[in-house]
Amino acid sequence: MIERKITEEEQEAVQKEGIERNRWVSLGRIYRKIRQEDIVCIRKLKGAKYVEYVIKEERIRERISIALLLEELDKKRFLLVDRGHIVNLKYVTGIGKRSVYMEGGEEIPVSRSQMSCLKREIERYLREGRSRTFQVSREK
């Protein structure tokens, strides 16, 4: 875990670079560096202005909008599957009728409109050689 205070200029530089391999998460006046590839999923907390990063066994909260966060994340790796949920395609282990299953047991709801997009993106992700085994549910 890396924690340090950074200047406003450094913060602006991090925001401008945007899509990098790391995400600097604001924890008040301290920023914590998180590798994007370690993020399993991100969810917006109901009734709050915070998002929660699920990183294997850890949860980290940050005050940021989902829209701004999506602009900063790697679009080839992360996908908005529901109004308040972003998944990392690397950690998808299964797809149900209305949900996606993540490594570590997380079950994330998927909107009807995003289900076909999710399947397409997983196929693309697998074709690009980032192969994982996952299962598609045949539920009706």
N, C-alpha and C. Protein backbone atom coordinates (compact mmCIF):
# COMPACT_ATOMS: atom_id res chain seq x y z
N MET A 1 0.85 -1.17 0.00
CA MET A 1 0.00 0.00 0.00
C MET A 1 0.90 1.23 0.00
N ILE A 2 0.62 2.16 -0.92
CA ILE A 2 1.39 3.40 -1.03
C ILE A 2 0.47 4.55 -0.69
N GLU A 3 0.83 5.32 0.32
CA GLU A 3 0.05 6.49 0.69
C GLU A 3 1.00 7.66 0.83
N ARG A 4 0.62 8.79 0.26
CA ARG A 4 1.40 10.00 0.42
C ARG A 4 0.55 11.19 0.04
N LYS A 5 0.95 12.37 0.49
CA LYS A 5 0.27 13.60 0.10
C LYS A 5 0.86 14.07 -1.22
N ILE A 6 0.00 14.54 -2.12
CA ILE A 6 0.51 15.07 -3.38
C ILE A 6 0.01 16.51 -3.55
N THR A 7 0.73 17.26 -4.36
CA THR A 7 0.38 18.66 -4.59
C THR A 7 -0.79 18.74 -5.57
N GLU A 8 -1.38 19.92 -5.66
CA GLU A 8 -2.48 20.12 -6.61
C GLU A 8 -2.02 19.93 -8.04
N GLU A 9 -0.79 20.34 -8.34
CA GLU A 9 -0.25 20.17 -9.69
C GLU A 9 -0.13 18.69 -10.05
N GLU A 10 0.34 17.90 -9.09
CA GLU A 10 0.44 16.45 -9.31
C GLU A 10 -0.94 15.84 -9.49
N GLN A 11 -1.91 16.31 -8.72
CA GLN A 11 -3.27 15.82 -8.82
C GLN A 11 -3.84 16.12 -10.21
N GLU A 12 -3.63 17.33 -10.70
CA GLU A 12 -4.11 17.70 -12.03
C GLU A 12 -3.43 16.87 -13.11
N ALA A 13 -2.14 16.62 -12.95
CA ALA A 13 -1.40 15.80 -13.92
C ALA A 13 -1.97 14.39 -13.95
N VAL A 14 -2.28 13.84 -12.79
CA VAL A 14 -2.86 12.50 -12.71
C VAL A 14 -4.22 12.49 -13.39
N GLN A 15 -5.05 13.53 -13.15
CA GLN A 15 -6.37 13.60 -13.75
C GLN A 15 -6.28 13.73 -15.27
N LYS A 16 -5.31 14.52 -15.78
CA LYS A 16 -5.16 14.70 -17.22
C LYS A 16 -4.70 13.43 -17.91
N GLU A 17 -3.77 12.71 -17.27
CA GLU A 17 -3.29 11.45 -17.85
C GLU A 17 -4.41 10.45 -17.95
N GLY A 18 -5.32 10.48 -16.98
CA GLY A 18 -6.52 9.67 -17.03
C GLY A 18 -6.25 8.19 -17.13
N ILE A 19 -6.30 7.66 -18.35
CA ILE A 19 -6.21 6.23 -18.54
C ILE A 19 -4.75 5.80 -18.41
N GLU A 20 -4.40 5.42 -17.23
CA GLU A 20 -3.08 4.86 -16.99
C GLU A 20 -3.30 3.54 -16.28
N ARG A 21 -2.27 2.86 -15.99
CA ARG A 21 -2.39 1.56 -15.35
C ARG A 21 -2.75 1.66 -13.87
N ASN A 22 -2.63 2.85 -13.31
CA ASN A 22 -2.92 3.05 -11.90
C ASN A 22 -4.04 4.06 -11.72
N ARG A 23 -4.70 3.97 -10.62
CA ARG A 23 -5.77 4.90 -10.26
C ARG A 23 -5.40 5.52 -8.93
N TRP A 24 -5.33 6.84 -8.88
CA TRP A 24 -5.07 7.52 -7.62
C TRP A 24 -6.41 7.81 -6.97
N VAL A 25 -6.67 7.20 -5.84
CA VAL A 25 -7.93 7.34 -5.13
C VAL A 25 -7.77 8.38 -4.04
N SER A 26 -8.66 9.35 -4.04
CA SER A 26 -8.62 10.43 -3.06
C SER A 26 -9.22 9.96 -1.74
N LEU A 27 -8.42 10.04 -0.69
CA LEU A 27 -8.89 9.72 0.66
C LEU A 27 -8.71 10.98 1.51
N GLY A 28 -9.46 12.02 1.17
CA GLY A 28 -9.28 13.32 1.82
C GLY A 28 -8.09 14.02 1.19
N ARG A 29 -7.08 14.38 1.99
CA ARG A 29 -5.88 15.04 1.46
C ARG A 29 -4.79 14.03 1.11
N ILE A 30 -5.06 12.77 1.32
CA ILE A 30 -4.10 11.72 0.99
C ILE A 30 -4.62 10.95 -0.21
N TYR A 31 -3.72 10.59 -1.11
CA TYR A 31 -4.09 9.81 -2.28
C TYR A 31 -3.45 8.43 -2.18
N ARG A 32 -4.20 7.44 -2.59
CA ARG A 32 -3.70 6.07 -2.56
C ARG A 32 -3.66 5.54 -3.98
N LYS A 33 -2.57 4.91 -4.32
CA LYS A 33 -2.38 4.38 -5.66
C LYS A 33 -2.92 2.94 -5.72
N ILE A 34 -3.85 2.71 -6.66
CA ILE A 34 -4.43 1.38 -6.85
C ILE A 34 -4.19 0.99 -8.30
N ARG A 35 -3.71 -0.21 -8.51
CA ARG A 35 -3.53 -0.69 -9.88
C ARG A 35 -4.90 -1.04 -10.46
N GLN A 36 -5.19 -0.52 -11.66
CA GLN A 36 -6.48 -0.79 -12.30
C GLN A 36 -6.72 -2.28 -12.46
N GLU A 37 -5.70 -3.03 -12.76
CA GLU A 37 -5.89 -4.46 -13.00
C GLU A 37 -6.27 -5.21 -11.73
N ASP A 38 -6.10 -4.61 -10.55
CA ASP A 38 -6.47 -5.25 -9.29
C ASP A 38 -7.92 -4.99 -8.90
N ILE A 39 -8.57 -4.03 -9.57
CA ILE A 39 -9.96 -3.69 -9.24
C ILE A 39 -10.88 -4.76 -9.83
N VAL A 40 -11.64 -5.44 -8.99
CA VAL A 40 -12.58 -6.47 -9.44
C VAL A 40 -13.83 -5.81 -9.99
N CYS A 41 -14.42 -4.91 -9.22
CA CYS A 41 -15.60 -4.18 -9.67
C CYS A 41 -15.72 -2.89 -8.87
N ILE A 42 -16.61 -2.03 -9.35
CA ILE A 42 -16.84 -0.74 -8.69
C ILE A 42 -18.35 -0.58 -8.61
N ARG A 43 -18.82 -0.16 -7.46
CA ARG A 43 -20.27 0.05 -7.30
C ARG A 43 -20.53 1.40 -6.64
N LYS A 44 -21.61 2.03 -7.07
CA LYS A 44 -22.03 3.28 -6.44
C LYS A 44 -22.85 2.90 -5.23
N LEU A 45 -22.54 3.52 -4.11
CA LEU A 45 -23.28 3.24 -2.89
C LEU A 45 -24.61 3.97 -2.93
N LYS A 46 -25.69 3.27 -2.62
CA LYS A 46 -27.03 3.86 -2.67
C LYS A 46 -27.17 5.01 -1.70
N GLY A 47 -27.75 6.09 -2.21
CA GLY A 47 -28.02 7.25 -1.37
C GLY A 47 -26.77 8.02 -0.96
N ALA A 48 -25.66 7.72 -1.60
CA ALA A 48 -24.42 8.41 -1.25
C ALA A 48 -23.73 8.90 -2.51
N LYS A 49 -22.77 9.78 -2.33
CA LYS A 49 -22.02 10.31 -3.46
C LYS A 49 -20.69 9.59 -3.61
N TYR A 50 -20.62 8.40 -3.06
CA TYR A 50 -19.38 7.64 -3.07
C TYR A 50 -19.48 6.41 -3.96
N VAL A 51 -18.32 5.99 -4.46
CA VAL A 51 -18.23 4.69 -5.12
C VAL A 51 -17.35 3.81 -4.24
N GLU A 52 -17.55 2.51 -4.38
CA GLU A 52 -16.77 1.56 -3.61
C GLU A 52 -16.00 0.68 -4.58
N TYR A 53 -14.69 0.67 -4.44
CA TYR A 53 -13.83 -0.19 -5.25
C TYR A 53 -13.73 -1.53 -4.52
N VAL A 54 -13.99 -2.62 -5.21
CA VAL A 54 -13.80 -3.95 -4.64
C VAL A 54 -12.47 -4.45 -5.20
N ILE A 55 -11.52 -4.63 -4.30
CA ILE A 55 -10.18 -5.07 -4.69
C ILE A 55 -9.90 -6.34 -3.90
N LYS A 56 -10.18 -7.48 -4.52
CA LYS A 56 -10.02 -8.78 -3.87
C LYS A 56 -10.68 -8.76 -2.50
N GLU A 57 -9.93 -8.73 -1.42
CA GLU A 57 -10.49 -8.78 -0.06
C GLU A 57 -10.75 -7.40 0.54
N GLU A 58 -10.48 -6.35 -0.20
CA GLU A 58 -10.51 -5.01 0.34
C GLU A 58 -11.59 -4.16 -0.33
N ARG A 59 -12.12 -3.20 0.40
CA ARG A 59 -13.09 -2.24 -0.12
C ARG A 59 -12.56 -0.84 0.17
N ILE A 60 -12.58 0.03 -0.86
CA ILE A 60 -12.10 1.40 -0.69
C ILE A 60 -13.17 2.33 -1.23
N ARG A 61 -13.47 3.38 -0.50
CA ARG A 61 -14.49 4.35 -0.92
C ARG A 61 -13.83 5.63 -1.40
N GLU A 62 -14.47 6.22 -2.43
CA GLU A 62 -14.00 7.51 -2.94
C GLU A 62 -15.23 8.32 -3.36
N ARG A 63 -15.15 9.61 -3.18
CA ARG A 63 -16.23 10.50 -3.60
C ARG A 63 -15.94 10.95 -5.03
N ILE A 64 -16.62 10.31 -5.98
CA ILE A 64 -16.46 10.61 -7.40
C ILE A 64 -17.70 10.09 -8.12
N SER A 65 -18.05 10.72 -9.22
CA SER A 65 -19.22 10.26 -9.97
C SER A 65 -18.81 9.08 -10.86
N ILE A 66 -19.78 8.23 -11.15
CA ILE A 66 -19.56 7.08 -12.03
C ILE A 66 -19.14 7.56 -13.42
N ALA A 67 -19.76 8.63 -13.91
CA ALA A 67 -19.45 9.13 -15.25
C ALA A 67 -17.99 9.58 -15.35
N LEU A 68 -17.52 10.32 -14.37
CA LEU A 68 -16.13 10.77 -14.37
C LEU A 68 -15.17 9.59 -14.24
N LEU A 69 -15.53 8.65 -13.42
CA LEU A 69 -14.70 7.47 -13.22
C LEU A 69 -14.57 6.66 -14.51
N LEU A 70 -15.67 6.51 -15.23
CA LEU A 70 -15.64 5.76 -16.50
C LEU A 70 -14.69 6.39 -17.51
N GLU A 71 -14.61 7.72 -17.51
CA GLU A 71 -13.70 8.41 -18.42
C GLU A 71 -12.25 8.10 -18.10
N GLU A 72 -11.96 7.85 -16.83
CA GLU A 72 -10.59 7.64 -16.39
C GLU A 72 -10.13 6.19 -16.45
N LEU A 73 -11.07 5.25 -16.55
CA LEU A 73 -10.72 3.83 -16.57
C LEU A 73 -10.44 3.33 -17.98
N ASP A 74 -9.70 2.25 -18.07
CA ASP A 74 -9.38 1.61 -19.34
C ASP A 74 -10.66 1.02 -19.94
N LYS A 75 -11.08 1.55 -21.07
CA LYS A 75 -12.35 1.15 -21.69
C LYS A 75 -12.31 -0.28 -22.25
N LYS A 76 -11.13 -0.82 -22.49
CA LYS A 76 -11.03 -2.20 -22.97
C LYS A 76 -11.18 -3.19 -21.83
N ARG A 77 -11.04 -2.73 -20.62
CA ARG A 77 -11.07 -3.62 -19.46
C ARG A 77 -12.33 -3.47 -18.62
N PHE A 78 -12.86 -2.24 -18.50
CA PHE A 78 -13.98 -1.97 -17.62
C PHE A 78 -15.26 -1.69 -18.41
N LEU A 79 -16.38 -2.17 -17.88
CA LEU A 79 -17.66 -2.00 -18.56
C LEU A 79 -18.74 -1.66 -17.54
N LEU A 80 -19.53 -0.64 -17.85
CA LEU A 80 -20.69 -0.28 -17.04
C LEU A 80 -21.79 -1.27 -17.36
N VAL A 81 -22.21 -2.09 -16.39
CA VAL A 81 -23.22 -3.11 -16.65
C VAL A 81 -24.58 -2.75 -16.08
N ASP A 82 -24.62 -1.78 -15.22
CA ASP A 82 -25.86 -1.32 -14.60
C ASP A 82 -25.63 0.12 -14.20
N ARG A 83 -26.66 0.81 -13.87
CA ARG A 83 -26.54 2.23 -13.54
C ARG A 83 -25.46 2.51 -12.49
N GLY A 84 -25.27 1.63 -11.56
CA GLY A 84 -24.31 1.88 -10.50
C GLY A 84 -23.22 0.83 -10.35
N HIS A 85 -22.95 0.05 -11.42
CA HIS A 85 -21.96 -1.02 -11.32
C HIS A 85 -21.04 -1.06 -12.53
N ILE A 86 -19.76 -1.12 -12.26
CA ILE A 86 -18.73 -1.27 -13.30
C ILE A 86 -17.97 -2.56 -12.99
N VAL A 87 -17.75 -3.38 -14.01
CA VAL A 87 -17.00 -4.62 -13.79
C VAL A 87 -15.70 -4.61 -14.57
N ASN A 88 -14.72 -5.31 -14.04
CA ASN A 88 -13.45 -5.53 -14.71
C ASN A 88 -13.60 -6.88 -15.41
N LEU A 89 -13.54 -6.88 -16.74
CA LEU A 89 -13.75 -8.10 -17.52
C LEU A 89 -12.77 -9.20 -17.15
N LYS A 90 -11.63 -8.83 -16.64
CA LYS A 90 -10.61 -9.81 -16.24
C LYS A 90 -11.12 -10.74 -15.15
N TYR A 91 -12.03 -10.28 -14.30
CA TYR A 91 -12.48 -11.05 -13.15
C TYR A 91 -13.87 -11.67 -13.31
N VAL A 92 -14.44 -11.62 -14.50
CA VAL A 92 -15.74 -12.24 -14.74
C VAL A 92 -15.56 -13.75 -14.78
N THR A 93 -16.36 -14.47 -13.98
CA THR A 93 -16.27 -15.93 -13.96
C THR A 93 -17.53 -16.59 -14.50
N GLY A 94 -18.63 -15.85 -14.58
CA GLY A 94 -19.87 -16.44 -15.08
C GLY A 94 -20.91 -15.38 -15.39
N ILE A 95 -21.86 -15.76 -16.24
CA ILE A 95 -22.95 -14.86 -16.60
C ILE A 95 -24.26 -15.58 -16.35
N GLY A 96 -25.15 -14.94 -15.61
CA GLY A 96 -26.49 -15.47 -15.38
C GLY A 96 -27.49 -14.76 -16.26
N LYS A 97 -28.76 -15.01 -16.00
CA LYS A 97 -29.82 -14.39 -16.81
C LYS A 97 -29.83 -12.87 -16.64
N ARG A 98 -29.66 -12.39 -15.41
CA ARG A 98 -29.70 -10.95 -15.14
C ARG A 98 -28.53 -10.49 -14.28
N SER A 99 -27.46 -11.27 -14.23
CA SER A 99 -26.32 -10.88 -13.41
C SER A 99 -25.02 -11.44 -13.96
N VAL A 100 -23.94 -10.91 -13.45
CA VAL A 100 -22.60 -11.38 -13.81
C VAL A 100 -21.92 -11.76 -12.50
N TYR A 101 -21.17 -12.86 -12.54
CA TYR A 101 -20.48 -13.36 -11.36
C TYR A 101 -19.00 -13.06 -11.47
N MET A 102 -18.47 -12.55 -10.38
CA MET A 102 -17.08 -12.10 -10.36
C MET A 102 -16.25 -13.03 -9.48
N GLU A 103 -14.96 -13.03 -9.75
CA GLU A 103 -14.03 -13.77 -8.91
C GLU A 103 -14.17 -13.25 -7.49
N GLY A 104 -14.19 -14.13 -6.53
CA GLY A 104 -14.37 -13.72 -5.13
C GLY A 104 -15.82 -13.81 -4.69
N GLY A 105 -16.73 -14.21 -5.59
CA GLY A 105 -18.12 -14.43 -5.21
C GLY A 105 -19.06 -13.27 -5.38
N GLU A 106 -18.60 -12.13 -5.88
CA GLU A 106 -19.49 -10.98 -6.10
C GLU A 106 -20.50 -11.31 -7.20
N GLU A 107 -21.76 -10.98 -6.97
CA GLU A 107 -22.80 -11.10 -7.99
C GLU A 107 -23.30 -9.69 -8.29
N ILE A 108 -23.12 -9.27 -9.54
CA ILE A 108 -23.44 -7.90 -9.94
C ILE A 108 -24.65 -7.93 -10.87
N PRO A 109 -25.68 -7.11 -10.60
CA PRO A 109 -26.83 -7.07 -11.50
C PRO A 109 -26.44 -6.44 -12.84
N VAL A 110 -27.06 -6.94 -13.91
CA VAL A 110 -26.81 -6.41 -15.25
C VAL A 110 -28.15 -5.96 -15.82
N SER A 111 -28.20 -4.73 -16.34
CA SER A 111 -29.44 -4.25 -16.94
C SER A 111 -29.71 -5.01 -18.23
N ARG A 112 -30.96 -5.10 -18.61
CA ARG A 112 -31.33 -5.81 -19.84
C ARG A 112 -30.61 -5.25 -21.05
N SER A 113 -30.53 -3.93 -21.11
CA SER A 113 -29.91 -3.29 -22.27
C SER A 113 -28.40 -3.55 -22.33
N GLN A 114 -27.77 -3.84 -21.22
CA GLN A 114 -26.33 -4.04 -21.21
C GLN A 114 -25.91 -5.51 -21.33
N MET A 115 -26.84 -6.45 -21.19
CA MET A 115 -26.48 -7.87 -21.21
C MET A 115 -25.83 -8.27 -22.54
N SER A 116 -26.41 -7.88 -23.66
CA SER A 116 -25.81 -8.26 -24.95
C SER A 116 -24.45 -7.58 -25.13
N CYS A 117 -24.32 -6.35 -24.67
CA CYS A 117 -23.05 -5.63 -24.73
C CYS A 117 -22.00 -6.34 -23.86
N LEU A 118 -22.39 -6.81 -22.69
CA LEU A 118 -21.49 -7.53 -21.80
C LEU A 118 -20.97 -8.79 -22.48
N LYS A 119 -21.86 -9.56 -23.09
CA LYS A 119 -21.45 -10.79 -23.77
C LYS A 119 -20.50 -10.49 -24.92
N ARG A 120 -20.80 -9.45 -25.69
CA ARG A 120 -19.93 -9.04 -26.80
C ARG A 120 -18.55 -8.64 -26.31
N GLU A 121 -18.50 -7.85 -25.24
CA GLU A 121 -17.23 -7.38 -24.69
C GLU A 121 -16.41 -8.52 -24.10
N ILE A 122 -17.06 -9.49 -23.49
CA ILE A 122 -16.34 -10.64 -22.96
C ILE A 122 -15.74 -11.45 -24.11
N GLU A 123 -16.50 -11.63 -25.18
CA GLU A 123 -15.97 -12.34 -26.35
C GLU A 123 -14.76 -11.60 -26.92
N ARG A 124 -14.84 -10.30 -27.04
CA ARG A 124 -13.72 -9.50 -27.53
C ARG A 124 -12.52 -9.64 -26.61
N TYR A 125 -12.77 -9.57 -25.33
CA TYR A 125 -11.71 -9.67 -24.33
C TYR A 125 -10.99 -11.02 -24.43
N LEU A 126 -11.76 -12.08 -24.62
CA LEU A 126 -11.18 -13.43 -24.75
C LEU A 126 -10.41 -13.58 -26.06
N ARG A 127 -10.94 -13.01 -27.14
CA ARG A 127 -10.26 -13.09 -28.44
C ARG A 127 -8.91 -12.39 -28.41
N GLU A 128 -8.81 -11.33 -27.62
CA GLU A 128 -7.56 -10.57 -27.55
C GLU A 128 -6.50 -11.29 -26.73
N GLY A 129 -6.79 -12.51 -26.32
CA GLY A 129 -5.78 -13.31 -25.63
C GLY A 129 -5.71 -13.11 -24.14
N ARG A 130 -6.68 -12.47 -23.57
CA ARG A 130 -6.71 -12.28 -22.12
C ARG A 130 -7.59 -13.36 -21.52
N SER A 131 -7.39 -14.54 -22.00
CA SER A 131 -8.26 -15.67 -21.75
C SER A 131 -8.49 -15.99 -20.27
N ARG A 132 -9.72 -16.29 -19.96
CA ARG A 132 -10.16 -16.77 -18.64
C ARG A 132 -11.23 -17.80 -18.90
N THR A 133 -11.46 -18.64 -17.95
CA THR A 133 -12.58 -19.55 -18.09
C THR A 133 -13.76 -18.96 -17.36
N PHE A 134 -14.89 -18.98 -17.98
CA PHE A 134 -16.09 -18.52 -17.33
C PHE A 134 -17.25 -19.32 -17.90
N GLN A 135 -18.39 -19.24 -17.23
CA GLN A 135 -19.54 -20.01 -17.63
C GLN A 135 -20.71 -19.09 -17.93
N VAL A 136 -21.44 -19.44 -18.96
CA VAL A 136 -22.66 -18.72 -19.29
C VAL A 136 -23.83 -19.56 -18.84
N SER A 137 -24.67 -19.01 -17.99
CA SER A 137 -25.82 -19.74 -17.48
C SER A 137 -26.87 -19.91 -18.56
N ARG A 138 -27.52 -21.03 -18.55
CA ARG A 138 -28.59 -21.32 -19.51
C ARG A 138 -29.97 -21.17 -18.87
N GLU A 139 -30.06 -20.36 -17.83
CA GLU A 139 -31.33 -20.14 -17.12
C GLU A 139 -32.35 -19.51 -18.04
N LYS A 140 -33.61 -19.81 -17.81
CA LYS A 140 -34.67 -19.21 -18.61
C LYS A 140 -35.50 -18.29 -17.76
